[in-house]
Amino acid sequence: MNKKKWVILDRDGTIIEEKNYLHRPEQVVLLPGVAEGLRFLYERGYVLTVVTNQSGVGRGYFAMDDVDRVHCRLTELLAERGITLQGIYVCPHRPEERCACRKPAVGLISRASADCGLNNDNIAAVIGDKESDMQFGKNLASPVILLMSGYGRKERARGVSADFYAENLPQAARWLWERQE
């Protein structure tokens, strides 16, 4: 049995600043504390992946090549801070397409699992700023952490439930680590 712990993160509003239909690498800005929180987890052996809905592709606002360039920039920014993501998984579809890969559906997890050599039992938590992220984690039978960045505060005020509400990624990372001990 693989004992590695896997953290699945949302992208916009969780790791980087929320910008409507972000599609240019120069728009990528890490949120405060993200590098610290991710490094804390990475140095303790957590496998880090991102699962993100990018409906701007399906809507024709930008291409998957644009998304790939954004992810290259994100990967560079994290690498400069000593952090490696095991993968970034993208649903490019519009919500009305009702695909199997758009969160809260869990269709991207089989690909991520195969790429990382992990399974749902390895998931330590899903971290995000939207109800769809929380439902995604619940659909995986995983603990869920709602960050108060991005849409997080509004979502909490609307009554979105989570196992833990964190002001920032470092607080979420410490909570995860303390639960493991």
N, C-alpha and C. Protein backbone atom coordinates (compact mmCIF):
# COMPACT_ATOMS: atom_id res chain seq x y z
N MET A 1 0.84 -1.20 0.00
CA MET A 1 0.00 0.00 0.00
C MET A 1 0.88 1.25 0.00
N ASN A 2 0.54 2.21 -0.81
CA ASN A 2 1.29 3.45 -0.92
C ASN A 2 0.86 4.41 0.19
N LYS A 3 1.82 4.82 1.03
CA LYS A 3 1.51 5.68 2.19
C LYS A 3 1.61 7.17 1.87
N LYS A 4 1.99 7.52 0.64
CA LYS A 4 2.12 8.94 0.31
C LYS A 4 0.80 9.66 0.49
N LYS A 5 0.90 10.90 0.95
CA LYS A 5 -0.29 11.74 1.12
C LYS A 5 -0.39 12.70 -0.05
N TRP A 6 -1.60 12.84 -0.55
CA TRP A 6 -1.87 13.59 -1.77
C TRP A 6 -2.78 14.76 -1.45
N VAL A 7 -2.36 15.96 -1.84
CA VAL A 7 -3.19 17.15 -1.68
C VAL A 7 -3.57 17.65 -3.07
N ILE A 8 -4.86 17.81 -3.27
CA ILE A 8 -5.39 18.29 -4.55
C ILE A 8 -5.86 19.72 -4.34
N LEU A 9 -5.33 20.62 -5.15
CA LEU A 9 -5.63 22.04 -5.00
C LEU A 9 -6.34 22.60 -6.23
N ASP A 10 -7.20 23.55 -5.98
CA ASP A 10 -7.78 24.36 -7.04
C ASP A 10 -6.69 25.35 -7.48
N ARG A 11 -6.87 26.01 -8.61
CA ARG A 11 -5.88 26.96 -9.10
C ARG A 11 -6.27 28.41 -8.78
N ASP A 12 -7.26 28.94 -9.50
CA ASP A 12 -7.62 30.36 -9.37
C ASP A 12 -8.31 30.62 -8.04
N GLY A 13 -7.80 31.61 -7.31
CA GLY A 13 -8.37 31.96 -6.02
C GLY A 13 -7.85 31.10 -4.88
N THR A 14 -7.07 30.08 -5.21
CA THR A 14 -6.49 29.18 -4.21
C THR A 14 -4.97 29.30 -4.20
N ILE A 15 -4.37 29.16 -5.38
CA ILE A 15 -2.91 29.27 -5.52
C ILE A 15 -2.54 30.62 -6.12
N ILE A 16 -3.29 31.02 -7.13
CA ILE A 16 -3.00 32.30 -7.79
C ILE A 16 -4.21 33.22 -7.67
N GLU A 17 -3.95 34.51 -7.90
CA GLU A 17 -5.01 35.50 -7.81
C GLU A 17 -6.14 35.16 -8.79
N GLU A 18 -7.35 35.35 -8.31
CA GLU A 18 -8.54 35.14 -9.14
C GLU A 18 -8.63 36.28 -10.15
N LYS A 19 -8.57 35.94 -11.43
CA LYS A 19 -8.73 36.92 -12.50
C LYS A 19 -9.66 36.29 -13.52
N ASN A 20 -10.69 36.99 -13.88
CA ASN A 20 -11.70 36.44 -14.77
C ASN A 20 -11.08 35.95 -16.08
N TYR A 21 -11.19 34.66 -16.32
CA TYR A 21 -10.69 34.02 -17.54
C TYR A 21 -9.21 34.32 -17.78
N LEU A 22 -8.42 34.13 -16.76
CA LEU A 22 -6.97 34.31 -16.85
C LEU A 22 -6.42 33.42 -17.96
N HIS A 23 -5.64 34.01 -18.86
CA HIS A 23 -5.09 33.22 -19.96
C HIS A 23 -3.73 33.71 -20.45
N ARG A 24 -3.14 34.66 -19.76
CA ARG A 24 -1.82 35.15 -20.15
C ARG A 24 -0.84 34.91 -19.01
N PRO A 25 0.35 34.39 -19.31
CA PRO A 25 1.32 34.07 -18.26
C PRO A 25 1.66 35.27 -17.36
N GLU A 26 1.67 36.46 -17.93
CA GLU A 26 2.02 37.64 -17.12
C GLU A 26 0.93 37.98 -16.10
N GLN A 27 -0.23 37.36 -16.21
CA GLN A 27 -1.32 37.58 -15.25
C GLN A 27 -1.16 36.71 -14.00
N VAL A 28 -0.25 35.75 -14.03
CA VAL A 28 -0.11 34.79 -12.93
C VAL A 28 0.60 35.44 -11.75
N VAL A 29 -0.12 35.54 -10.64
CA VAL A 29 0.44 36.09 -9.39
C VAL A 29 0.07 35.14 -8.26
N LEU A 30 1.10 34.63 -7.57
CA LEU A 30 0.83 33.77 -6.42
C LEU A 30 0.15 34.56 -5.32
N LEU A 31 -0.81 33.94 -4.66
CA LEU A 31 -1.47 34.57 -3.52
C LEU A 31 -0.50 34.62 -2.34
N PRO A 32 -0.67 35.58 -1.44
CA PRO A 32 0.19 35.66 -0.26
C PRO A 32 0.15 34.35 0.54
N GLY A 33 1.33 33.88 0.93
CA GLY A 33 1.44 32.68 1.75
C GLY A 33 1.41 31.37 0.98
N VAL A 34 1.09 31.41 -0.30
CA VAL A 34 0.98 30.17 -1.07
C VAL A 34 2.30 29.41 -1.11
N ALA A 35 3.39 30.10 -1.43
CA ALA A 35 4.69 29.42 -1.50
C ALA A 35 5.04 28.80 -0.15
N GLU A 36 4.81 29.52 0.93
CA GLU A 36 5.10 29.01 2.27
C GLU A 36 4.27 27.76 2.56
N GLY A 37 2.98 27.82 2.30
CA GLY A 37 2.09 26.69 2.57
C GLY A 37 2.42 25.47 1.72
N LEU A 38 2.64 25.68 0.43
CA LEU A 38 2.98 24.56 -0.45
C LEU A 38 4.33 23.97 -0.10
N ARG A 39 5.30 24.82 0.21
CA ARG A 39 6.63 24.32 0.59
C ARG A 39 6.55 23.49 1.87
N PHE A 40 5.75 23.94 2.84
CA PHE A 40 5.55 23.20 4.09
C PHE A 40 5.09 21.77 3.77
N LEU A 41 4.10 21.65 2.90
CA LEU A 41 3.58 20.33 2.54
C LEU A 41 4.58 19.53 1.70
N TYR A 42 5.18 20.19 0.73
CA TYR A 42 6.13 19.53 -0.17
C TYR A 42 7.32 18.96 0.60
N GLU A 43 7.85 19.74 1.54
CA GLU A 43 9.01 19.30 2.32
C GLU A 43 8.66 18.14 3.25
N ARG A 44 7.39 17.94 3.52
CA ARG A 44 6.95 16.84 4.38
C ARG A 44 6.45 15.65 3.56
N GLY A 45 6.72 15.69 2.26
CA GLY A 45 6.46 14.54 1.41
C GLY A 45 5.09 14.46 0.78
N TYR A 46 4.28 15.48 0.92
CA TYR A 46 2.97 15.46 0.28
C TYR A 46 3.13 15.59 -1.24
N VAL A 47 2.33 14.85 -1.97
CA VAL A 47 2.26 14.97 -3.42
C VAL A 47 1.23 16.06 -3.70
N LEU A 48 1.61 17.05 -4.51
CA LEU A 48 0.76 18.20 -4.78
C LEU A 48 0.32 18.20 -6.24
N THR A 49 -0.99 18.25 -6.45
CA THR A 49 -1.52 18.38 -7.81
C THR A 49 -2.58 19.47 -7.82
N VAL A 50 -2.83 19.97 -9.01
CA VAL A 50 -3.86 20.99 -9.22
C VAL A 50 -4.92 20.41 -10.15
N VAL A 51 -6.17 20.63 -9.81
CA VAL A 51 -7.30 20.29 -10.68
C VAL A 51 -8.10 21.58 -10.86
N THR A 52 -8.27 21.99 -12.11
CA THR A 52 -8.88 23.29 -12.38
C THR A 52 -9.89 23.23 -13.53
N ASN A 53 -10.99 23.93 -13.35
CA ASN A 53 -11.97 24.13 -14.41
C ASN A 53 -11.57 25.38 -15.19
N GLN A 54 -11.45 25.27 -16.49
CA GLN A 54 -11.08 26.41 -17.34
C GLN A 54 -12.06 26.50 -18.51
N SER A 55 -13.28 26.92 -18.19
CA SER A 55 -14.33 26.95 -19.21
C SER A 55 -14.09 28.00 -20.29
N GLY A 56 -13.14 28.90 -20.08
CA GLY A 56 -12.80 29.87 -21.12
C GLY A 56 -12.37 29.20 -22.41
N VAL A 57 -11.80 28.00 -22.30
CA VAL A 57 -11.41 27.24 -23.50
C VAL A 57 -12.67 26.83 -24.25
N GLY A 58 -13.59 26.19 -23.55
CA GLY A 58 -14.83 25.74 -24.17
C GLY A 58 -15.69 26.87 -24.72
N ARG A 59 -15.56 28.03 -24.10
CA ARG A 59 -16.34 29.19 -24.55
C ARG A 59 -15.67 29.91 -25.73
N GLY A 60 -14.44 29.48 -26.06
CA GLY A 60 -13.72 30.09 -27.17
C GLY A 60 -13.00 31.38 -26.82
N TYR A 61 -12.86 31.68 -25.53
CA TYR A 61 -12.17 32.91 -25.11
C TYR A 61 -10.66 32.80 -25.27
N PHE A 62 -10.14 31.59 -25.13
CA PHE A 62 -8.71 31.33 -25.30
C PHE A 62 -8.52 29.85 -25.59
N ALA A 63 -7.30 29.48 -25.97
CA ALA A 63 -7.00 28.11 -26.37
C ALA A 63 -6.29 27.34 -25.25
N MET A 64 -6.25 26.01 -25.39
CA MET A 64 -5.51 25.20 -24.42
C MET A 64 -4.04 25.58 -24.39
N ASP A 65 -3.50 26.03 -25.52
CA ASP A 65 -2.11 26.49 -25.53
C ASP A 65 -1.91 27.65 -24.56
N ASP A 66 -2.90 28.53 -24.46
CA ASP A 66 -2.82 29.64 -23.50
C ASP A 66 -2.81 29.10 -22.07
N VAL A 67 -3.66 28.12 -21.80
CA VAL A 67 -3.71 27.50 -20.47
C VAL A 67 -2.36 26.86 -20.16
N ASP A 68 -1.79 26.16 -21.14
CA ASP A 68 -0.49 25.52 -20.94
C ASP A 68 0.60 26.54 -20.62
N ARG A 69 0.57 27.69 -21.29
CA ARG A 69 1.56 28.74 -21.01
C ARG A 69 1.38 29.30 -19.60
N VAL A 70 0.15 29.46 -19.18
CA VAL A 70 -0.13 29.91 -17.81
C VAL A 70 0.43 28.90 -16.82
N HIS A 71 0.23 27.62 -17.11
CA HIS A 71 0.72 26.58 -16.20
C HIS A 71 2.24 26.50 -16.20
N CYS A 72 2.87 26.77 -17.33
CA CYS A 72 4.34 26.84 -17.36
C CYS A 72 4.82 27.96 -16.44
N ARG A 73 4.16 29.10 -16.50
CA ARG A 73 4.53 30.22 -15.63
C ARG A 73 4.31 29.88 -14.16
N LEU A 74 3.18 29.26 -13.85
CA LEU A 74 2.91 28.85 -12.48
C LEU A 74 3.98 27.88 -11.99
N THR A 75 4.32 26.91 -12.83
CA THR A 75 5.34 25.92 -12.48
C THR A 75 6.69 26.60 -12.23
N GLU A 76 7.04 27.58 -13.07
CA GLU A 76 8.29 28.33 -12.88
C GLU A 76 8.29 29.07 -11.55
N LEU A 77 7.21 29.77 -11.25
CA LEU A 77 7.13 30.53 -10.00
C LEU A 77 7.29 29.62 -8.79
N LEU A 78 6.67 28.46 -8.84
CA LEU A 78 6.77 27.53 -7.71
C LEU A 78 8.16 26.91 -7.64
N ALA A 79 8.74 26.55 -8.79
CA ALA A 79 10.09 25.96 -8.81
C ALA A 79 11.11 26.93 -8.23
N GLU A 80 10.95 28.22 -8.51
CA GLU A 80 11.85 29.23 -7.94
C GLU A 80 11.80 29.24 -6.42
N ARG A 81 10.72 28.70 -5.87
CA ARG A 81 10.52 28.67 -4.42
C ARG A 81 10.68 27.26 -3.85
N GLY A 82 11.24 26.36 -4.67
CA GLY A 82 11.53 25.01 -4.20
C GLY A 82 10.35 24.07 -4.14
N ILE A 83 9.34 24.29 -4.96
CA ILE A 83 8.11 23.49 -4.93
C ILE A 83 7.87 22.88 -6.31
N THR A 84 7.53 21.60 -6.33
CA THR A 84 7.19 20.92 -7.57
C THR A 84 5.78 20.36 -7.50
N LEU A 85 4.99 20.68 -8.49
CA LEU A 85 3.66 20.07 -8.63
C LEU A 85 3.82 18.77 -9.42
N GLN A 86 3.12 17.72 -8.99
CA GLN A 86 3.17 16.45 -9.72
C GLN A 86 2.34 16.50 -10.99
N GLY A 87 1.42 17.43 -11.06
CA GLY A 87 0.61 17.55 -12.26
C GLY A 87 -0.44 18.62 -12.12
N ILE A 88 -0.87 19.12 -13.27
CA ILE A 88 -1.97 20.08 -13.34
C ILE A 88 -2.98 19.50 -14.33
N TYR A 89 -4.20 19.33 -13.86
CA TYR A 89 -5.24 18.67 -14.65
C TYR A 89 -6.37 19.66 -14.91
N VAL A 90 -6.76 19.75 -16.17
CA VAL A 90 -7.66 20.81 -16.63
C VAL A 90 -8.92 20.24 -17.26
N CYS A 91 -10.06 20.77 -16.84
CA CYS A 91 -11.31 20.56 -17.56
C CYS A 91 -11.54 21.81 -18.40
N PRO A 92 -11.57 21.69 -19.73
CA PRO A 92 -11.75 22.85 -20.60
C PRO A 92 -13.21 23.10 -20.99
N HIS A 93 -14.12 22.33 -20.44
CA HIS A 93 -15.51 22.37 -20.90
C HIS A 93 -16.36 23.44 -20.21
N ARG A 94 -17.42 23.83 -20.90
CA ARG A 94 -18.41 24.74 -20.32
C ARG A 94 -19.29 23.96 -19.35
N PRO A 95 -19.81 24.62 -18.31
CA PRO A 95 -20.64 23.91 -17.32
C PRO A 95 -21.82 23.18 -17.96
N GLU A 96 -22.45 23.79 -18.95
CA GLU A 96 -23.64 23.17 -19.55
C GLU A 96 -23.33 21.91 -20.36
N GLU A 97 -22.06 21.63 -20.60
CA GLU A 97 -21.70 20.40 -21.31
C GLU A 97 -21.84 19.16 -20.43
N ARG A 98 -21.89 19.37 -19.13
CA ARG A 98 -22.08 18.26 -18.17
C ARG A 98 -21.10 17.11 -18.41
N CYS A 99 -19.84 17.46 -18.58
CA CYS A 99 -18.81 16.45 -18.81
C CYS A 99 -18.46 15.73 -17.50
N ALA A 100 -17.67 14.70 -17.60
CA ALA A 100 -17.27 13.93 -16.42
C ALA A 100 -16.03 14.51 -15.74
N CYS A 101 -15.41 15.53 -16.35
CA CYS A 101 -14.15 16.04 -15.79
C CYS A 101 -14.29 17.39 -15.09
N ARG A 102 -15.41 18.06 -15.23
CA ARG A 102 -15.57 19.37 -14.61
C ARG A 102 -15.96 19.21 -13.14
N LYS A 103 -15.14 19.84 -12.25
CA LYS A 103 -15.49 19.79 -10.83
C LYS A 103 -16.89 20.36 -10.65
N PRO A 104 -17.71 19.72 -9.84
CA PRO A 104 -17.38 18.73 -8.82
C PRO A 104 -17.31 17.29 -9.28
N ALA A 105 -17.48 16.99 -10.57
CA ALA A 105 -17.29 15.62 -11.05
C ALA A 105 -15.82 15.23 -10.86
N VAL A 106 -15.57 13.95 -10.78
CA VAL A 106 -14.23 13.47 -10.42
C VAL A 106 -13.49 12.80 -11.57
N GLY A 107 -13.90 13.08 -12.79
CA GLY A 107 -13.32 12.41 -13.96
C GLY A 107 -11.83 12.60 -14.15
N LEU A 108 -11.27 13.72 -13.73
CA LEU A 108 -9.83 13.94 -13.92
C LEU A 108 -8.98 13.13 -12.94
N ILE A 109 -9.60 12.61 -11.90
CA ILE A 109 -8.83 11.93 -10.86
C ILE A 109 -8.22 10.62 -11.35
N SER A 110 -8.88 9.91 -12.24
CA SER A 110 -8.29 8.66 -12.73
C SER A 110 -6.98 8.93 -13.47
N ARG A 111 -6.94 9.99 -14.24
CA ARG A 111 -5.70 10.36 -14.94
C ARG A 111 -4.63 10.79 -13.96
N ALA A 112 -5.01 11.64 -13.00
CA ALA A 112 -4.06 12.09 -11.99
C ALA A 112 -3.54 10.92 -11.17
N SER A 113 -4.42 10.01 -10.80
CA SER A 113 -4.02 8.82 -10.03
C SER A 113 -2.99 8.00 -10.79
N ALA A 114 -3.26 7.76 -12.05
CA ALA A 114 -2.33 6.97 -12.88
C ALA A 114 -0.99 7.68 -13.02
N ASP A 115 -1.02 8.99 -13.27
CA ASP A 115 0.22 9.75 -13.43
C ASP A 115 1.07 9.75 -12.17
N CYS A 116 0.41 9.84 -11.02
CA CYS A 116 1.12 9.99 -9.74
C CYS A 116 1.32 8.66 -9.02
N GLY A 117 0.71 7.59 -9.50
CA GLY A 117 0.81 6.30 -8.82
C GLY A 117 0.10 6.29 -7.48
N LEU A 118 -1.00 7.03 -7.40
CA LEU A 118 -1.76 7.14 -6.16
C LEU A 118 -3.20 6.74 -6.40
N ASN A 119 -3.95 6.61 -5.31
CA ASN A 119 -5.38 6.36 -5.43
C ASN A 119 -6.13 7.22 -4.41
N ASN A 120 -7.43 7.11 -4.39
CA ASN A 120 -8.23 7.96 -3.50
C ASN A 120 -7.86 7.80 -2.03
N ASP A 121 -7.37 6.63 -1.64
CA ASP A 121 -6.96 6.42 -0.25
C ASP A 121 -5.79 7.31 0.15
N ASN A 122 -5.03 7.78 -0.84
CA ASN A 122 -3.89 8.65 -0.56
C ASN A 122 -4.28 10.11 -0.35
N ILE A 123 -5.50 10.48 -0.70
CA ILE A 123 -5.89 11.89 -0.65
C ILE A 123 -5.99 12.36 0.79
N ALA A 124 -5.15 13.34 1.13
CA ALA A 124 -5.18 13.94 2.46
C ALA A 124 -6.24 15.02 2.53
N ALA A 125 -6.40 15.78 1.43
CA ALA A 125 -7.40 16.85 1.40
C ALA A 125 -7.52 17.43 0.01
N VAL A 126 -8.67 18.05 -0.21
CA VAL A 126 -8.89 18.91 -1.37
C VAL A 126 -9.00 20.32 -0.81
N ILE A 127 -8.24 21.25 -1.41
CA ILE A 127 -8.21 22.64 -0.95
C ILE A 127 -8.68 23.54 -2.07
N GLY A 128 -9.63 24.42 -1.77
CA GLY A 128 -10.13 25.34 -2.78
C GLY A 128 -10.88 26.50 -2.17
N ASP A 129 -11.44 27.33 -3.05
CA ASP A 129 -12.14 28.54 -2.60
C ASP A 129 -13.60 28.58 -3.04
N LYS A 130 -14.10 27.49 -3.63
CA LYS A 130 -15.48 27.49 -4.14
C LYS A 130 -16.23 26.25 -3.68
N GLU A 131 -17.55 26.38 -3.72
CA GLU A 131 -18.40 25.25 -3.38
C GLU A 131 -18.10 24.04 -4.27
N SER A 132 -17.82 24.28 -5.54
CA SER A 132 -17.53 23.15 -6.44
C SER A 132 -16.28 22.38 -6.00
N ASP A 133 -15.31 23.09 -5.42
CA ASP A 133 -14.11 22.42 -4.89
C ASP A 133 -14.47 21.55 -3.69
N MET A 134 -15.34 22.09 -2.82
CA MET A 134 -15.74 21.34 -1.62
C MET A 134 -16.54 20.11 -2.01
N GLN A 135 -17.44 20.26 -2.98
CA GLN A 135 -18.24 19.12 -3.42
C GLN A 135 -17.36 18.09 -4.13
N PHE A 136 -16.39 18.56 -4.88
CA PHE A 136 -15.41 17.68 -5.55
C PHE A 136 -14.72 16.81 -4.50
N GLY A 137 -14.22 17.43 -3.44
CA GLY A 137 -13.57 16.67 -2.37
C GLY A 137 -14.51 15.69 -1.71
N LYS A 138 -15.72 16.13 -1.46
CA LYS A 138 -16.71 15.23 -0.84
C LYS A 138 -17.03 14.06 -1.76
N ASN A 139 -17.08 14.31 -3.07
CA ASN A 139 -17.31 13.23 -4.03
C ASN A 139 -16.17 12.22 -4.03
N LEU A 140 -15.00 12.65 -3.58
CA LEU A 140 -13.84 11.77 -3.46
C LEU A 140 -13.72 11.17 -2.06
N ALA A 141 -14.69 11.48 -1.19
CA ALA A 141 -14.66 11.05 0.22
C ALA A 141 -13.41 11.56 0.92
N SER A 142 -13.04 12.79 0.59
CA SER A 142 -11.83 13.42 1.12
C SER A 142 -12.19 14.55 2.06
N PRO A 143 -11.31 14.83 3.05
CA PRO A 143 -11.48 16.07 3.80
C PRO A 143 -11.37 17.26 2.85
N VAL A 144 -12.11 18.32 3.16
CA VAL A 144 -12.09 19.52 2.32
C VAL A 144 -11.77 20.75 3.16
N ILE A 145 -10.95 21.62 2.57
CA ILE A 145 -10.54 22.86 3.23
C ILE A 145 -10.95 24.02 2.34
N LEU A 146 -11.76 24.92 2.89
CA LEU A 146 -12.18 26.11 2.16
C LEU A 146 -11.27 27.26 2.57
N LEU A 147 -10.53 27.78 1.59
CA LEU A 147 -9.66 28.93 1.85
C LEU A 147 -10.47 30.21 1.77
N MET A 148 -10.10 31.18 2.59
CA MET A 148 -10.79 32.47 2.62
C MET A 148 -10.21 33.44 1.59
N SER A 149 -9.55 32.91 0.58
CA SER A 149 -9.06 33.72 -0.54
C SER A 149 -10.05 33.56 -1.70
N GLY A 150 -9.79 34.25 -2.80
CA GLY A 150 -10.68 34.12 -3.95
C GLY A 150 -12.14 34.34 -3.56
N TYR A 151 -12.97 33.35 -3.83
CA TYR A 151 -14.39 33.41 -3.49
C TYR A 151 -14.70 32.84 -2.11
N GLY A 152 -13.68 32.39 -1.38
CA GLY A 152 -13.88 31.67 -0.13
C GLY A 152 -14.75 32.34 0.91
N ARG A 153 -14.52 33.62 1.17
CA ARG A 153 -15.32 34.32 2.19
C ARG A 153 -16.80 34.37 1.79
N LYS A 154 -17.05 34.68 0.53
CA LYS A 154 -18.45 34.73 0.05
C LYS A 154 -19.09 33.35 0.13
N GLU A 155 -18.33 32.33 -0.23
CA GLU A 155 -18.86 30.97 -0.18
C GLU A 155 -19.19 30.56 1.25
N ARG A 156 -18.32 30.89 2.19
CA ARG A 156 -18.58 30.55 3.59
C ARG A 156 -19.82 31.29 4.09
N ALA A 157 -19.94 32.57 3.72
CA ALA A 157 -21.11 33.37 4.13
C ALA A 157 -22.40 32.78 3.56
N ARG A 158 -22.30 32.13 2.41
CA ARG A 158 -23.46 31.46 1.80
C ARG A 158 -23.78 30.13 2.47
N GLY A 159 -22.90 29.70 3.37
CA GLY A 159 -23.15 28.45 4.09
C GLY A 159 -22.47 27.23 3.51
N VAL A 160 -21.50 27.43 2.62
CA VAL A 160 -20.76 26.29 2.07
C VAL A 160 -20.00 25.61 3.20
N SER A 161 -20.16 24.30 3.30
CA SER A 161 -19.53 23.57 4.41
C SER A 161 -18.18 22.99 4.00
N ALA A 162 -17.31 22.90 4.99
CA ALA A 162 -15.98 22.33 4.81
C ALA A 162 -15.56 21.69 6.13
N ASP A 163 -14.54 20.85 6.05
CA ASP A 163 -13.99 20.27 7.28
C ASP A 163 -13.16 21.28 8.05
N PHE A 164 -12.59 22.23 7.31
CA PHE A 164 -11.78 23.28 7.94
C PHE A 164 -11.85 24.52 7.07
N TYR A 165 -11.91 25.67 7.72
CA TYR A 165 -11.89 26.96 7.04
C TYR A 165 -10.55 27.60 7.38
N ALA A 166 -9.75 27.88 6.36
CA ALA A 166 -8.41 28.42 6.57
C ALA A 166 -8.31 29.81 5.99
N GLU A 167 -7.66 30.69 6.73
CA GLU A 167 -7.43 32.05 6.23
C GLU A 167 -6.51 32.04 5.02
N ASN A 168 -5.57 31.10 5.00
CA ASN A 168 -4.57 31.07 3.94
C ASN A 168 -4.00 29.65 3.82
N LEU A 169 -3.16 29.45 2.84
CA LEU A 169 -2.60 28.12 2.61
C LEU A 169 -1.68 27.66 3.73
N PRO A 170 -0.85 28.52 4.33
CA PRO A 170 -0.05 28.04 5.46
C PRO A 170 -0.91 27.50 6.61
N GLN A 171 -2.01 28.15 6.91
CA GLN A 171 -2.89 27.66 7.97
C GLN A 171 -3.50 26.31 7.58
N ALA A 172 -3.89 26.16 6.33
CA ALA A 172 -4.43 24.89 5.85
C ALA A 172 -3.37 23.79 5.94
N ALA A 173 -2.15 24.11 5.54
CA ALA A 173 -1.06 23.12 5.58
C ALA A 173 -0.78 22.66 7.00
N ARG A 174 -0.73 23.59 7.94
CA ARG A 174 -0.48 23.22 9.34
C ARG A 174 -1.61 22.35 9.89
N TRP A 175 -2.85 22.69 9.54
CA TRP A 175 -3.98 21.89 10.00
C TRP A 175 -3.87 20.45 9.48
N LEU A 176 -3.53 20.31 8.21
CA LEU A 176 -3.36 18.98 7.63
C LEU A 176 -2.27 18.19 8.35
N TRP A 177 -1.14 18.84 8.57
CA TRP A 177 0.01 18.19 9.21
C TRP A 177 -0.35 17.76 10.64
N GLU A 178 -1.03 18.62 11.37
CA GLU A 178 -1.41 18.30 12.75
C GLU A 178 -2.41 17.15 12.79
N ARG A 179 -3.29 17.05 11.83
CA ARG A 179 -4.26 15.94 11.77
C ARG A 179 -3.56 14.61 11.53
N GLN A 180 -2.46 14.66 10.80
CA GLN A 180 -1.74 13.43 10.44
C GLN A 180 -1.01 12.85 11.65
N GLU A 181 -0.55 13.72 12.54
CA GLU A 181 0.26 13.24 13.68
C GLU A 181 -0.55 12.47 14.69
